Amino acid sequence: MTRKDNDRNAVEVRGLVKHFGATKALDGVDLEVREGTVLGVLGPNGAGKTTLVRALSTLIRPDAGTARVAGYDVLTQPRQLRRAIGLTGQYASVDEKLSGYENLYMIGRLLDLSRKDARRRAGEMLERFSLTEAAKRPAGQYSGGMRRRLDLAASMIGHPAVLYLDEPTTGLDPRTRNEVWEEVQRMVTEGATVLLTTQYMEEAEQLAQELTVIDRGRVIAGGRVDELKAKVGGRTLVIRPADPGELSRMVGALAQAGLDGTAGATPDETAGTVSLPLLSDEQLTAVIGMLSARGFGIADIGTHLPSLDEVFLAITGQKASAPADDQAAEQNDALQGAAA
């Protein structure tokens, strides 16, 4: 996705705090989301991601701090703000007695679309999310995945300026997940801003220009995906010999070369490559020079940064959980918020 050159912020959060009893779910959160971009919010189970989304969508009232979304103050202009946002939570929130079409048409009318525009938009969203054949069936008869797709369509029907997606593809099959990603990318291309919480690392890399990592209610890291990977370090040099039969000999030559990092050379016989930690550009030059001097032909050479999963583990000290596990953990957070 093309990153827009835009310095204006669609979301600005300063010092946001939210308590649930003795638990501080948000502990002074600061973040910004530039207009027309996707900010991915990552964090371990119970980190406060859903609490943040609920606060920014006026579903719960923060105890301290300020937040503006699409130009509206979360505390003093909640009604105006709600008309500028779309929200898909972790659980489908459609009316099961109404058909898929009726759900979307009703929401379109509630958002002040004309009858004609509400009908047209409902039809568009049903088609985009592969629900046209089920349009007249009550939503209560939909499968879990179909309800999820209908819920996503409902959040997008009003062309929101800011869209909150809280674990949007949990429980979806890969094909439907790709459809959701395509629709999010289309909306951003058209000018929408997205705040995305997810535990799918692939989803974060696919959609988000920038990431914010939250743990225990605090922002602990942020930046572009490549920036976070660079901060963690651990670049790897991967070399493929021109002659696959030379792999073992190349590993031995590297191990005996006495250069920085070469003692850690590791072969991957399946891929036909050898990997070693890359410590500096000077080391890269020295390794290539040594291999060339010893008569090795090189078919391919490249460097790789850590995966986003590895970055998440390094920053938080935890592995990225399965979405279903995070969903269960955040459900308690959401229920506490509703009761607050």
Protein backbone atom coordinates (compact mmCIF):
# COMPACT_ATOMS: atom_id res chain seq x y z
CA MET A 1 0.00 0.00 0.00
CA THR A 2 1.31 3.42 -0.87
CA ARG A 3 2.16 5.53 2.15
CA LYS A 4 0.59 8.98 1.94
CA ASP A 5 2.67 12.11 2.53
CA ASN A 6 0.34 13.60 5.10
CA ASP A 7 1.33 15.24 8.37
CA ARG A 8 -2.21 15.72 9.67
CA ASN A 9 -3.39 13.36 12.38
CA ALA A 10 -6.81 11.73 12.29
CA VAL A 11 -6.31 10.38 15.82
CA GLU A 12 -4.39 12.11 18.61
CA VAL A 13 -4.20 10.59 22.09
CA ARG A 14 -2.38 12.14 25.04
CA GLY A 15 -1.98 10.59 28.49
CA LEU A 16 -5.07 8.37 28.29
CA VAL A 17 -5.83 6.58 31.57
CA LYS A 18 -8.56 4.09 32.42
CA HIS A 19 -9.01 2.17 35.67
CA PHE A 20 -11.22 -0.84 36.33
CA GLY A 21 -11.15 -1.00 40.09
CA ALA A 22 -7.54 -1.49 41.11
CA THR A 23 -6.52 -2.46 37.57
CA LYS A 24 -5.05 0.29 35.39
CA ALA A 25 -6.03 -0.87 31.88
CA LEU A 26 -4.61 2.27 30.25
CA ASP A 27 -1.67 3.94 31.95
CA GLY A 28 -0.94 7.19 30.13
CA VAL A 29 -1.23 6.09 26.50
CA ASP A 30 0.04 8.48 23.81
CA LEU A 31 -0.38 7.77 20.11
CA GLU A 32 -1.03 9.42 16.77
CA VAL A 33 -2.51 8.09 13.54
CA ARG A 34 -1.90 10.13 10.41
CA GLU A 35 -4.79 10.66 8.02
CA GLY A 36 -5.09 8.04 5.33
CA THR A 37 -2.87 5.44 7.02
CA VAL A 38 -3.22 2.25 9.06
CA LEU A 39 -1.79 2.07 12.57
CA GLY A 40 -1.42 -1.45 13.89
CA VAL A 41 -1.75 -1.81 17.67
CA LEU A 42 -0.05 -4.92 19.02
CA GLY A 43 0.29 -6.25 22.52
CA PRO A 44 0.11 -9.40 24.64
CA ASN A 45 -3.10 -10.69 26.16
CA GLY A 46 -4.86 -8.13 28.33
CA ALA A 47 -2.47 -5.33 27.33
CA GLY A 48 -5.32 -2.82 26.98
CA LYS A 49 -5.87 -2.80 23.24
CA THR A 50 -9.63 -3.28 23.40
CA THR A 51 -9.93 -0.77 26.23
CA LEU A 52 -8.17 1.77 24.01
CA VAL A 53 -10.55 1.13 21.12
CA ARG A 54 -13.59 1.37 23.40
CA ALA A 55 -12.36 4.67 24.84
CA LEU A 56 -11.70 6.15 21.40
CA SER A 57 -15.14 5.09 20.18
CA THR A 58 -16.90 6.66 23.24
CA LEU A 59 -18.10 3.30 24.59
CA ILE A 60 -16.27 3.92 27.85
CA ARG A 61 -15.12 7.17 29.42
CA PRO A 62 -11.41 7.54 30.18
CA ASP A 63 -10.44 8.66 33.67
CA ALA A 64 -7.74 11.07 32.47
CA GLY A 65 -6.05 12.30 29.36
CA THR A 66 -7.33 13.70 26.07
CA ALA A 67 -8.19 12.23 22.68
CA ARG A 68 -9.37 13.71 19.38
CA VAL A 69 -10.66 11.59 16.51
CA ALA A 70 -11.49 13.05 13.08
CA GLY A 71 -11.27 16.50 14.68
CA TYR A 72 -13.75 15.73 17.49
CA ASP A 73 -13.01 15.53 21.20
CA VAL A 74 -13.83 12.11 22.65
CA LEU A 75 -15.16 13.59 25.90
CA THR A 76 -16.98 16.72 24.77
CA GLN A 77 -18.16 15.82 21.25
CA PRO A 78 -19.15 12.15 21.41
CA ARG A 79 -22.23 12.42 19.15
CA GLN A 80 -20.33 14.12 16.33
CA LEU A 81 -17.46 11.68 16.70
CA ARG A 82 -19.70 8.60 16.42
CA ARG A 83 -20.89 9.75 13.00
CA ALA A 84 -17.32 9.95 11.76
CA ILE A 85 -16.17 6.47 12.82
CA GLY A 86 -16.82 2.82 12.08
CA LEU A 87 -16.18 0.05 14.59
CA THR A 88 -15.83 -3.69 14.31
CA GLY A 89 -15.29 -5.27 17.69
CA GLN A 90 -14.18 -8.78 18.53
CA TYR A 91 -17.73 -10.11 18.38
CA ALA A 92 -20.38 -9.71 15.69
CA SER A 93 -23.04 -7.22 16.78
CA VAL A 94 -25.67 -7.58 14.04
CA ASP A 95 -29.42 -7.93 14.64
CA GLU A 96 -30.10 -11.64 14.21
CA LYS A 97 -33.79 -11.14 13.44
CA LEU A 98 -33.11 -8.92 10.45
CA SER A 99 -31.76 -10.15 7.14
CA GLY A 100 -28.25 -9.27 6.07
CA TYR A 101 -29.60 -6.66 3.67
CA GLU A 102 -31.94 -5.19 6.30
CA ASN A 103 -29.08 -4.87 8.79
CA LEU A 104 -26.98 -2.91 6.34
CA TYR A 105 -29.86 -0.79 5.05
CA MET A 106 -30.91 0.10 8.61
CA ILE A 107 -27.39 1.18 9.55
CA GLY A 108 -27.09 3.20 6.37
CA ARG A 109 -30.30 5.06 7.21
CA LEU A 110 -29.13 5.62 10.81
CA LEU A 111 -26.05 7.24 9.32
CA ASP A 112 -28.30 9.61 7.36
CA LEU A 113 -27.84 8.01 3.96
CA SER A 114 -30.82 8.55 1.68
CA ARG A 115 -33.02 5.51 0.97
CA LYS A 116 -31.47 5.21 -2.47
CA ASP A 117 -27.90 5.50 -1.19
CA ALA A 118 -28.56 3.10 1.70
CA ARG A 119 -29.94 0.49 -0.72
CA ARG A 120 -27.03 0.96 -3.10
CA ARG A 121 -24.40 0.85 -0.38
CA ALA A 122 -25.97 -2.24 1.25
CA GLY A 123 -25.84 -4.03 -2.09
CA GLU A 124 -22.21 -3.03 -2.63
CA MET A 125 -21.10 -4.29 0.75
CA LEU A 126 -23.01 -7.56 0.45
CA GLU A 127 -21.23 -8.20 -2.84
CA ARG A 128 -17.80 -7.21 -1.54
CA PHE A 129 -18.09 -9.62 1.38
CA SER A 130 -19.63 -12.48 -0.65
CA LEU A 131 -23.00 -12.27 1.12
CA THR A 132 -25.27 -11.52 -1.84
CA GLU A 133 -26.80 -15.01 -1.95
CA ALA A 134 -27.62 -14.82 1.77
CA ALA A 135 -28.86 -11.21 1.65
CA LYS A 136 -32.51 -12.08 2.41
CA ARG A 137 -31.83 -14.65 5.11
CA PRO A 138 -32.06 -13.66 8.81
CA ALA A 139 -28.62 -13.01 10.22
CA GLY A 140 -29.41 -15.52 12.96
CA GLN A 141 -29.13 -18.25 10.34
CA TYR A 142 -25.65 -17.14 9.25
CA SER A 143 -22.53 -19.08 10.14
CA GLY A 144 -20.04 -17.46 12.49
CA GLY A 145 -17.83 -16.41 9.59
CA MET A 146 -20.77 -14.93 7.69
CA ARG A 147 -21.85 -12.92 10.73
CA ARG A 148 -18.33 -11.63 11.06
CA ARG A 149 -18.30 -10.51 7.44
CA LEU A 150 -21.69 -8.83 7.88
CA ASP A 151 -20.42 -7.02 10.96
CA LEU A 152 -17.40 -5.77 9.02
CA ALA A 153 -19.65 -4.63 6.16
CA ALA A 154 -21.83 -2.74 8.66
CA SER A 155 -18.83 -0.88 10.09
CA MET A 156 -17.79 0.26 6.61
CA ILE A 157 -21.14 1.13 5.08
CA GLY A 158 -21.10 4.79 6.04
CA HIS A 159 -17.68 5.59 4.53
CA PRO A 160 -16.22 6.38 8.00
CA ALA A 161 -13.35 8.83 8.22
CA VAL A 162 -11.78 6.67 10.93
CA LEU A 163 -12.31 2.93 11.17
CA TYR A 164 -11.51 0.89 14.29
CA LEU A 165 -10.85 -2.79 13.60
CA ASP A 166 -10.46 -4.76 16.83
CA GLU A 167 -9.18 -8.23 15.87
CA PRO A 168 -11.17 -7.98 12.60
CA THR A 169 -10.32 -11.33 11.03
CA THR A 170 -10.51 -13.60 14.05
CA GLY A 171 -12.18 -16.86 13.00
CA LEU A 172 -12.21 -16.07 9.29
CA ASP A 173 -10.93 -18.45 6.64
CA PRO A 174 -7.91 -17.30 4.56
CA ARG A 175 -10.00 -16.33 1.53
CA THR A 176 -12.36 -14.16 3.56
CA ARG A 177 -9.44 -12.68 5.48
CA ASN A 178 -7.92 -11.59 2.17
CA GLU A 179 -11.25 -10.03 1.17
CA VAL A 180 -11.26 -8.02 4.40
CA TRP A 181 -7.69 -6.89 3.79
CA GLU A 182 -8.56 -5.79 0.25
CA GLU A 183 -11.54 -3.80 1.50
CA VAL A 184 -9.46 -2.10 4.20
CA GLN A 185 -6.82 -1.20 1.62
CA ARG A 186 -9.52 0.16 -0.70
CA MET A 187 -10.93 2.37 2.06
CA VAL A 188 -7.50 3.73 2.93
CA THR A 189 -6.87 4.48 -0.74
CA GLU A 190 -10.13 6.45 -0.67
CA GLY A 191 -8.91 8.47 2.33
CA ALA A 192 -10.03 6.56 5.42
CA THR A 193 -7.82 6.14 8.48
CA VAL A 194 -7.65 2.78 10.28
CA LEU A 195 -6.66 1.81 13.80
CA LEU A 196 -6.14 -1.95 13.76
CA THR A 197 -5.62 -4.24 16.72
CA THR A 198 -4.44 -7.70 15.77
CA GLN A 199 -2.48 -10.71 16.89
CA TYR A 200 -1.88 -11.86 13.32
CA MET A 201 1.64 -10.71 12.54
CA GLU A 202 1.00 -11.27 8.83
CA GLU A 203 -2.01 -8.97 9.07
CA ALA A 204 0.00 -6.23 10.75
CA GLU A 205 2.71 -6.40 8.08
CA GLN A 206 0.14 -6.54 5.28
CA LEU A 207 -1.94 -3.55 6.35
CA ALA A 208 -0.10 -1.26 8.75
CA GLN A 209 2.32 1.49 7.80
CA GLU A 210 3.23 1.97 11.46
CA LEU A 211 2.93 -0.09 14.63
CA THR A 212 2.39 0.72 18.28
CA VAL A 213 3.16 -1.95 20.87
CA ILE A 214 1.20 -1.78 24.14
CA ASP A 215 1.94 -3.75 27.29
CA ARG A 216 0.24 -3.35 30.68
CA GLY A 217 -1.56 -0.26 29.47
CA ARG A 218 1.56 1.57 28.31
CA VAL A 219 3.06 2.20 24.89
CA ILE A 220 6.44 0.46 24.94
CA ALA A 221 7.50 0.78 21.29
CA GLY A 222 6.39 2.30 18.02
CA GLY A 223 7.43 3.03 14.47
CA ARG A 224 7.40 1.53 11.00
CA VAL A 225 7.70 -2.24 10.75
CA ASP A 226 11.24 -2.02 9.36
CA GLU A 227 12.23 0.46 12.09
CA LEU A 228 11.08 -1.89 14.85
CA LYS A 229 12.92 -4.78 13.26
CA ALA A 230 16.08 -2.68 13.04
CA LYS A 231 15.78 -1.72 16.72
CA VAL A 232 15.68 -5.36 17.73
CA GLY A 233 18.68 -6.08 15.55
CA GLY A 234 19.72 -9.58 14.65
CA ARG A 235 20.21 -9.15 10.90
CA THR A 236 21.11 -12.38 9.14
CA LEU A 237 23.31 -12.85 6.07
CA VAL A 238 22.06 -15.64 3.78
CA ILE A 239 24.34 -17.00 1.04
CA ARG A 240 23.45 -19.51 -1.68
CA PRO A 241 26.46 -21.14 -3.37
CA ALA A 242 26.37 -21.42 -7.16
CA ASP A 243 27.14 -25.14 -6.79
CA PRO A 244 24.78 -26.77 -4.23
CA GLY A 245 27.40 -29.46 -3.70
CA GLU A 246 29.73 -26.81 -2.27
CA LEU A 247 27.41 -26.00 0.66
CA SER A 248 29.24 -28.07 3.29
CA ARG A 249 32.65 -26.84 2.14
CA MET A 250 31.43 -23.22 2.24
CA VAL A 251 30.18 -23.69 5.81
CA GLY A 252 33.55 -25.12 6.80
CA ALA A 253 35.43 -22.26 5.15
CA LEU A 254 33.32 -19.69 6.95
CA ALA A 255 33.69 -21.44 10.31
CA GLN A 256 37.49 -21.46 9.95
CA ALA A 257 37.84 -17.94 8.50
CA GLY A 258 38.11 -16.21 11.85
CA LEU A 259 35.99 -13.27 10.70
CA ASP A 260 33.33 -11.60 12.88
CA GLY A 261 30.24 -13.81 13.03
CA THR A 262 31.48 -16.53 10.69
CA ALA A 263 31.85 -19.08 13.51
CA GLY A 264 28.05 -19.05 13.68
CA ALA A 265 27.57 -20.12 10.05
CA THR A 266 24.63 -22.55 9.81
CA PRO A 267 23.65 -24.60 6.74
CA ASP A 268 20.10 -25.12 5.51
CA GLU A 269 20.38 -28.11 3.22
CA THR A 270 16.74 -27.94 2.16
CA ALA A 271 17.08 -24.33 0.98
CA GLY A 272 20.67 -24.83 -0.18
CA THR A 273 21.87 -21.80 1.80
CA VAL A 274 24.16 -20.92 4.67
CA SER A 275 23.21 -18.28 7.25
CA LEU A 276 25.33 -16.31 9.69
CA PRO A 277 24.72 -13.30 11.94
CA LEU A 278 25.43 -10.03 10.15
CA LEU A 279 27.19 -7.65 12.51
CA SER A 280 28.32 -4.87 10.17
CA ASP A 281 28.66 -3.84 6.54
CA GLU A 282 32.41 -4.33 6.85
CA GLN A 283 31.81 -7.94 7.84
CA LEU A 284 29.65 -8.45 4.74
CA THR A 285 32.46 -7.14 2.50
CA ALA A 286 35.03 -9.33 4.26
CA VAL A 287 32.92 -12.49 3.93
CA ILE A 288 32.31 -11.98 0.21
CA GLY A 289 36.01 -11.26 -0.34
CA MET A 290 37.06 -14.39 1.55
CA LEU A 291 34.67 -16.67 -0.34
CA SER A 292 35.74 -15.20 -3.67
CA ALA A 293 39.42 -15.66 -2.81
CA ARG A 294 38.77 -19.33 -2.04
CA GLY A 295 37.06 -19.90 -5.38
CA PHE A 296 33.43 -20.15 -4.26
CA GLY A 297 30.78 -19.08 -6.74
CA ILE A 298 27.79 -17.28 -5.20
CA ALA A 299 24.36 -17.64 -6.80
CA ASP A 300 22.57 -15.34 -4.36
CA ILE A 301 23.31 -13.29 -1.26
CA GLY A 302 20.91 -11.30 0.87
CA THR A 303 20.16 -10.00 4.34
CA HIS A 304 17.06 -10.58 6.42
CA LEU A 305 15.69 -8.70 9.41
CA PRO A 306 13.91 -10.57 12.22
CA SER A 307 10.30 -11.57 11.62
CA LEU A 308 7.60 -9.49 13.26
CA ASP A 309 6.91 -12.42 15.58
CA GLU A 310 10.53 -12.25 16.75
CA VAL A 311 10.26 -8.48 17.20
CA PHE A 312 7.11 -8.91 19.29
CA LEU A 313 8.84 -11.50 21.48
CA ALA A 314 11.92 -9.32 21.94
CA ILE A 315 9.92 -6.22 22.88
CA THR A 316 7.27 -7.77 25.13
CA GLY A 317 9.01 -10.90 26.35
CA GLN A 318 6.01 -12.91 25.14
CA LYS A 319 5.09 -14.75 21.99
CA ALA A 320 2.24 -13.37 19.94
CA SER A 321 -0.78 -15.31 21.17
CA ALA A 322 -3.32 -17.02 19.01
CA PRO A 323 -6.19 -14.64 18.24
CA ALA A 324 -8.66 -16.89 20.03
CA ASP A 325 -6.61 -16.69 23.23
CA ASP A 326 -6.37 -12.90 23.01
CA GLN A 327 -10.08 -12.71 22.31
CA ALA A 328 -10.88 -14.53 25.54
CA ALA A 329 -8.51 -12.37 27.57
CA GLU A 330 -9.84 -9.11 26.18
CA GLN A 331 -13.48 -10.20 26.62
CA ASN A 332 -13.10 -9.77 30.37
CA ASP A 333 -11.60 -6.34 29.73
CA ALA A 334 -14.56 -5.41 27.55
CA LEU A 335 -17.10 -6.69 30.09
CA GLN A 336 -15.44 -4.68 32.82
CA GLY A 337 -15.64 -1.64 30.59
CA ALA A 338 -19.34 -2.14 29.98
CA ALA A 339 -19.96 -2.34 33.69
CA ALA A 340 -17.84 0.70 34.48
